[in-house]
Amino acid sequence: MANTPAVPAVYATRAEAEDAARKHFNCTGAHPMGKQWMPCAKHGQASGSAHNHP
């Protein structure tokens, strides 16, 4: 089994998070998390890839 790098769950810009949402999280949009952005318009919307944060 090949080791694949983890996909980040937080991004510096909304555009980066929206791009990741489309490519890696099977959702659209982004939502703010403090001063950073997370993929998907709503938290917990992602399917096909899980993300966790404190």
N, C-alpha and C. Protein backbone atom coordinates (compact mmCIF):
# COMPACT_ATOMS: atom_id res chain seq x y z
N MET A 1 0.85 -1.18 0.00
CA MET A 1 0.00 0.00 0.00
C MET A 1 0.90 1.23 0.00
N ALA A 2 0.64 2.15 -0.88
CA ALA A 2 1.44 3.37 -0.98
C ALA A 2 1.00 4.38 0.07
N ASN A 3 1.97 5.10 0.57
CA ASN A 3 1.65 6.18 1.51
C ASN A 3 1.28 7.41 0.72
N THR A 4 0.05 7.88 0.91
CA THR A 4 -0.37 9.09 0.23
C THR A 4 -0.40 10.22 1.25
N PRO A 5 0.06 11.39 0.86
CA PRO A 5 0.07 12.50 1.81
C PRO A 5 -1.35 12.89 2.20
N ALA A 6 -1.50 13.32 3.43
CA ALA A 6 -2.81 13.76 3.92
C ALA A 6 -3.21 15.06 3.24
N VAL A 7 -4.48 15.22 3.02
CA VAL A 7 -5.00 16.46 2.44
C VAL A 7 -5.25 17.43 3.60
N PRO A 8 -4.71 18.64 3.51
CA PRO A 8 -4.94 19.61 4.59
C PRO A 8 -6.43 19.90 4.77
N ALA A 9 -6.82 20.18 6.00
CA ALA A 9 -8.22 20.49 6.28
C ALA A 9 -8.45 21.98 6.49
N VAL A 10 -7.38 22.75 6.62
CA VAL A 10 -7.51 24.20 6.77
C VAL A 10 -6.59 24.88 5.77
N TYR A 11 -7.03 26.04 5.29
CA TYR A 11 -6.32 26.77 4.24
C TYR A 11 -6.27 28.25 4.59
N ALA A 12 -5.28 28.94 4.05
CA ALA A 12 -5.10 30.37 4.32
C ALA A 12 -6.14 31.23 3.61
N THR A 13 -6.62 30.77 2.45
CA THR A 13 -7.58 31.58 1.70
C THR A 13 -8.85 30.79 1.38
N ARG A 14 -9.91 31.52 1.16
CA ARG A 14 -11.18 30.90 0.79
C ARG A 14 -11.04 30.16 -0.53
N ALA A 15 -10.33 30.76 -1.49
CA ALA A 15 -10.16 30.14 -2.81
C ALA A 15 -9.47 28.78 -2.70
N GLU A 16 -8.45 28.68 -1.86
CA GLU A 16 -7.75 27.40 -1.68
C GLU A 16 -8.69 26.36 -1.07
N ALA A 17 -9.49 26.77 -0.10
CA ALA A 17 -10.43 25.84 0.54
C ALA A 17 -11.51 25.40 -0.44
N GLU A 18 -12.00 26.31 -1.27
CA GLU A 18 -13.02 25.95 -2.26
C GLU A 18 -12.45 24.98 -3.29
N ASP A 19 -11.21 25.18 -3.69
CA ASP A 19 -10.56 24.28 -4.64
C ASP A 19 -10.41 22.89 -4.02
N ALA A 20 -9.99 22.83 -2.77
CA ALA A 20 -9.84 21.54 -2.08
C ALA A 20 -11.20 20.87 -1.90
N ALA A 21 -12.24 21.65 -1.63
CA ALA A 21 -13.58 21.09 -1.48
C ALA A 21 -13.98 20.32 -2.72
N ARG A 22 -13.75 20.94 -3.86
CA ARG A 22 -14.11 20.33 -5.14
C ARG A 22 -13.24 19.10 -5.44
N LYS A 23 -11.93 19.22 -5.21
CA LYS A 23 -11.00 18.16 -5.60
C LYS A 23 -10.92 16.99 -4.62
N HIS A 24 -11.04 17.26 -3.33
CA HIS A 24 -10.74 16.23 -2.33
C HIS A 24 -11.87 15.88 -1.38
N PHE A 25 -12.87 16.75 -1.23
CA PHE A 25 -13.87 16.53 -0.19
C PHE A 25 -15.28 16.29 -0.72
N ASN A 26 -15.45 16.26 -2.05
CA ASN A 26 -16.74 15.97 -2.65
C ASN A 26 -17.84 16.91 -2.15
N CYS A 27 -17.51 18.21 -2.10
CA CYS A 27 -18.48 19.22 -1.69
C CYS A 27 -18.11 20.53 -2.39
N THR A 28 -18.87 21.57 -2.12
CA THR A 28 -18.58 22.88 -2.70
C THR A 28 -18.53 23.93 -1.61
N GLY A 29 -17.88 25.04 -1.93
CA GLY A 29 -17.83 26.16 -1.00
C GLY A 29 -16.75 26.01 0.05
N ALA A 30 -16.77 26.92 1.01
CA ALA A 30 -15.82 26.93 2.11
C ALA A 30 -16.46 27.65 3.29
N HIS A 31 -15.96 27.38 4.48
CA HIS A 31 -16.46 28.09 5.66
C HIS A 31 -15.28 28.53 6.53
N PRO A 32 -15.42 29.66 7.22
CA PRO A 32 -14.32 30.15 8.05
C PRO A 32 -14.17 29.32 9.32
N MET A 33 -12.92 29.20 9.75
CA MET A 33 -12.60 28.54 11.01
C MET A 33 -11.51 29.40 11.64
N GLY A 34 -11.93 30.31 12.49
CA GLY A 34 -10.99 31.28 13.03
C GLY A 34 -10.50 32.18 11.91
N LYS A 35 -9.18 32.28 11.74
CA LYS A 35 -8.61 33.11 10.68
C LYS A 35 -8.28 32.30 9.44
N GLN A 36 -8.67 31.04 9.42
CA GLN A 36 -8.41 30.17 8.27
C GLN A 36 -9.72 29.72 7.66
N TRP A 37 -9.61 28.97 6.57
CA TRP A 37 -10.79 28.48 5.84
C TRP A 37 -10.76 26.97 5.76
N MET A 38 -11.94 26.37 5.84
CA MET A 38 -12.09 24.92 5.69
C MET A 38 -12.97 24.63 4.48
N PRO A 39 -12.72 23.52 3.79
CA PRO A 39 -13.54 23.13 2.64
C PRO A 39 -14.99 22.86 3.04
N CYS A 40 -15.89 23.00 2.10
CA CYS A 40 -17.33 22.74 2.22
C CYS A 40 -18.05 23.96 2.80
N ALA A 41 -19.21 24.24 2.27
CA ALA A 41 -19.98 25.40 2.69
C ALA A 41 -20.41 25.31 4.15
N LYS A 42 -20.66 24.09 4.63
CA LYS A 42 -21.07 23.88 6.02
C LYS A 42 -20.17 22.84 6.65
N HIS A 43 -19.87 23.02 7.92
CA HIS A 43 -19.03 22.07 8.63
C HIS A 43 -19.71 20.70 8.68
N GLY A 44 -18.94 19.66 8.42
CA GLY A 44 -19.47 18.31 8.46
C GLY A 44 -20.13 17.87 7.16
N GLN A 45 -20.05 18.69 6.13
CA GLN A 45 -20.69 18.38 4.85
C GLN A 45 -19.88 17.41 4.01
N ALA A 46 -18.58 17.32 4.24
CA ALA A 46 -17.70 16.51 3.39
C ALA A 46 -18.11 15.05 3.38
N SER A 47 -18.01 14.44 2.20
CA SER A 47 -18.20 13.00 2.08
C SER A 47 -17.07 12.46 1.24
N GLY A 48 -16.62 11.28 1.55
CA GLY A 48 -15.52 10.70 0.81
C GLY A 48 -14.18 10.99 1.42
N SER A 49 -14.10 11.94 2.31
CA SER A 49 -12.86 12.26 3.01
C SER A 49 -13.22 12.97 4.30
N ALA A 50 -12.67 12.51 5.38
CA ALA A 50 -12.99 13.09 6.67
C ALA A 50 -11.95 14.11 7.07
N HIS A 51 -12.38 15.12 7.80
CA HIS A 51 -11.42 16.05 8.38
C HIS A 51 -11.81 16.31 9.82
N ASN A 52 -10.81 16.44 10.66
CA ASN A 52 -11.03 16.69 12.08
C ASN A 52 -10.17 17.86 12.51
N HIS A 53 -10.63 18.56 13.50
CA HIS A 53 -9.82 19.62 14.09
C HIS A 53 -10.25 19.81 15.52
N PRO A 54 -9.39 20.42 16.32
CA PRO A 54 -9.73 20.63 17.75
C PRO A 54 -10.85 21.62 17.94
